[in-house]
C-alpha atoms as a PDB file:
ATOM      1  CA  UNK A   1      -0.850 -28.553  16.216  1.00  0.00           C
ATOM      2  CA  UNK A   2      -4.184 -27.060  15.110  1.00  0.00           C
ATOM      3  CA  UNK A   3      -4.765 -25.783  18.647  1.00  0.00           C
ATOM      4  CA  UNK A   4      -1.242 -24.327  18.686  1.00  0.00           C
ATOM      5  CA  UNK A   5      -1.834 -22.525  15.391  1.00  0.00           C
ATOM      6  CA  UNK A   6      -5.122 -21.057  16.682  1.00  0.00           C
ATOM      7  CA  UNK A   7      -3.327 -19.946  19.864  1.00  0.00           C
ATOM      8  CA  UNK A   8      -0.620 -18.194  17.829  1.00  0.00           C
ATOM      9  CA  UNK A   9      -3.258 -16.615  15.600  1.00  0.00           C
ATOM     10  CA  UNK A  10      -4.950 -15.049  18.642  1.00  0.00           C
ATOM     11  CA  UNK A  11      -1.626 -13.942  20.168  1.00  0.00           C
ATOM     12  CA  UNK A  12      -0.178 -12.028  17.175  1.00  0.00           C
ATOM     13  CA  UNK A  13      -0.811  -8.325  17.859  1.00  0.00           C
ATOM     14  CA  UNK A  14       1.700  -6.041  16.128  1.00  0.00           C
ATOM     15  CA  UNK A  15       4.011  -5.785  13.122  1.00  0.00           C
ATOM     16  CA  UNK A  16       7.221  -3.928  12.247  1.00  0.00           C
ATOM     17  CA  UNK A  17       9.161  -3.590   9.007  1.00  0.00           C
ATOM     18  CA  UNK A  18      12.794  -2.627   8.401  1.00  0.00           C
ATOM     19  CA  UNK A  19      13.721  -0.115   5.704  1.00  0.00           C
ATOM     20  CA  UNK A  20      17.039  -0.323   3.833  1.00  0.00           C
ATOM     21  CA  UNK A  21      18.553  -2.613   6.479  1.00  0.00           C
ATOM     22  CA  UNK A  22      18.451   0.139   9.114  1.00  0.00           C
ATOM     23  CA  UNK A  23      15.497   1.538  11.015  1.00  0.00           C
ATOM     24  CA  UNK A  24      12.362  -0.359  12.056  1.00  0.00           C
ATOM     25  CA  UNK A  25       8.848   1.108  11.633  1.00  0.00           C
ATOM     26  CA  UNK A  26       5.441   0.092  12.927  1.00  0.00           C
ATOM     27  CA  UNK A  27       3.062  -1.236  10.299  1.00  0.00           C
ATOM     28  CA  UNK A  28      -0.490  -2.534  10.446  1.00  0.00           C
ATOM     29  CA  UNK A  29      -1.844  -6.068  10.545  1.00  0.00           C
ATOM     30  CA  UNK A  30      -4.692  -6.264   8.040  1.00  0.00           C
ATOM     31  CA  UNK A  31      -5.765  -9.824   8.827  1.00  0.00           C
ATOM     32  CA  UNK A  32      -4.576 -13.161  10.204  1.00  0.00           C
ATOM     33  CA  UNK A  33      -5.575 -16.709   9.302  1.00  0.00           C
ATOM     34  CA  UNK A  34      -4.665 -20.368   9.583  1.00  0.00           C
ATOM     35  CA  UNK A  35      -3.960 -21.661   6.068  1.00  0.00           C
ATOM     36  CA  UNK A  36      -3.358 -25.409   6.104  1.00  0.00           C
ATOM     37  CA  UNK A  37      -0.364 -25.980   8.378  1.00  0.00           C
ATOM     38  CA  UNK A  38       0.671 -22.313   8.515  1.00  0.00           C
ATOM     39  CA  UNK A  39      -0.339 -19.188  10.358  1.00  0.00           C
ATOM     40  CA  UNK A  40      -0.350 -16.328   7.859  1.00  0.00           C
ATOM     41  CA  UNK A  41      -0.398 -12.637   8.685  1.00  0.00           C
ATOM     42  CA  UNK A  42      -1.326 -10.037   6.065  1.00  0.00           C
ATOM     43  CA  UNK A  43       0.353  -6.715   6.825  1.00  0.00           C
ATOM     44  CA  UNK A  44       0.588  -3.202   5.413  1.00  0.00           C
ATOM     45  CA  UNK A  45       3.743  -1.035   5.327  1.00  0.00           C
ATOM     46  CA  UNK A  46       2.903   2.584   4.407  1.00  0.00           C
ATOM     47  CA  UNK A  47       5.052   4.463   1.916  1.00  0.00           C
ATOM     48  CA  UNK A  48       7.844   6.622   3.307  1.00  0.00           C
ATOM     49  CA  UNK A  49       7.426   9.054   0.417  1.00  0.00           C
ATOM     50  CA  UNK A  50      10.772   7.960  -1.050  1.00  0.00           C
ATOM     51  CA  UNK A  51      11.920   4.905  -2.953  1.00  0.00           C
ATOM     52  CA  UNK A  52      13.256   2.279  -0.555  1.00  0.00           C
ATOM     53  CA  UNK A  53      13.572  -1.432   0.113  1.00  0.00           C
ATOM     54  CA  UNK A  54      11.862  -3.300   2.934  1.00  0.00           C
ATOM     55  CA  UNK A  55      14.546  -5.668   4.193  1.00  0.00           C
ATOM     56  CA  UNK A  56      12.913  -7.301   7.202  1.00  0.00           C
ATOM     57  CA  UNK A  57       9.551  -7.947   8.832  1.00  0.00           C
ATOM     58  CA  UNK A  58       8.676  -8.888  12.423  1.00  0.00           C
ATOM     59  CA  UNK A  59       5.471  -9.780  14.263  1.00  0.00           C
ATOM     60  CA  UNK A  60       4.993  -9.580  18.015  1.00  0.00           C
ATOM     61  CA  UNK A  61       2.613 -11.343  20.368  1.00  0.00           C
ATOM     62  CA  UNK A  62       0.226  -9.853  22.908  1.00  0.00           C
ATOM     63  CA  UNK A  63       3.072  -9.646  25.471  1.00  0.00           C
ATOM     64  CA  UNK A  64       5.330  -7.756  23.005  1.00  0.00           C
ATOM     65  CA  UNK A  65       7.560 -10.789  22.434  1.00  0.00           C
ATOM     66  CA  UNK A  66       8.912 -11.577  18.981  1.00  0.00           C
ATOM     67  CA  UNK A  67       6.627 -14.223  17.441  1.00  0.00           C
ATOM     68  CA  UNK A  68       8.157 -14.379  13.971  1.00  0.00           C
ATOM     69  CA  UNK A  69      10.673 -12.642  11.729  1.00  0.00           C
ATOM     70  CA  UNK A  70      11.690 -12.798   8.063  1.00  0.00           C
ATOM     71  CA  UNK A  71      14.433 -11.286   5.946  1.00  0.00           C
ATOM     72  CA  UNK A  72      12.906  -9.957   2.709  1.00  0.00           C
ATOM     73  CA  UNK A  73      13.812  -7.680  -0.182  1.00  0.00           C
ATOM     74  CA  UNK A  74      10.780  -5.696  -1.336  1.00  0.00           C
ATOM     75  CA  UNK A  75      11.674  -2.674  -3.486  1.00  0.00           C
ATOM     76  CA  UNK A  76       9.089   0.069  -3.739  1.00  0.00           C
ATOM     77  CA  UNK A  77       8.889   3.462  -5.385  1.00  0.00           C
ATOM     78  CA  UNK A  78       8.051   6.720  -3.634  1.00  0.00           C
ATOM     79  CA  UNK A  79       4.281   6.321  -3.705  1.00  0.00           C
ATOM     80  CA  UNK A  80       3.812   2.616  -3.110  1.00  0.00           C
ATOM     81  CA  UNK A  81       2.594   1.122   0.136  1.00  0.00           C
ATOM     82  CA  UNK A  82       3.268  -2.603   0.515  1.00  0.00           C
ATOM     83  CA  UNK A  83       0.816  -5.298   1.487  1.00  0.00           C
ATOM     84  CA  UNK A  84       2.717  -8.433   2.390  1.00  0.00           C
ATOM     85  CA  UNK A  85       1.811 -11.995   3.366  1.00  0.00           C
ATOM     86  CA  UNK A  86       4.138 -13.029   6.188  1.00  0.00           C
ATOM     87  CA  UNK A  87       4.319 -16.831   6.087  1.00  0.00           C
ATOM     88  CA  UNK A  88       4.710 -19.085   7.971  1.00  0.00           C
ATOM     89  CA  UNK A  89       5.046 -18.212  11.631  1.00  0.00           C
ATOM     90  CA  UNK A  90       6.760 -20.676  13.951  1.00  0.00           C
ATOM     91  CA  UNK A  91       4.455 -22.707  16.149  1.00  0.00           C
ATOM     92  CA  UNK A  92       6.578 -22.641  19.307  1.00  0.00           C
ATOM     93  CA  UNK A  93       4.803 -22.327  22.644  1.00  0.00           C
ATOM     94  CA  UNK A  94       3.990 -18.765  23.705  1.00  0.00           C
ATOM     95  CA  UNK A  95       4.076 -18.515  27.488  1.00  0.00           C
END
């Protein structure tokens, strides 16, 4: 499984976040790491300029396939960007 986690770590390339249960936006991956038995991805979701709630997060692999997804509820005010630790990602085979 360690090899599988390292493979997933290399493959994760992009991140999206959902605002108020509706539209999806591109965010930024700050860093990625293997932490014990989990692959963790640290991401940043810039402020929209208005108060909102991030309701979902997704990460995609190098072939633009969904690698992991979580339902979340992160409220933020109008000036707050969010840094989030997405954990854990599934360790299914990426083809």
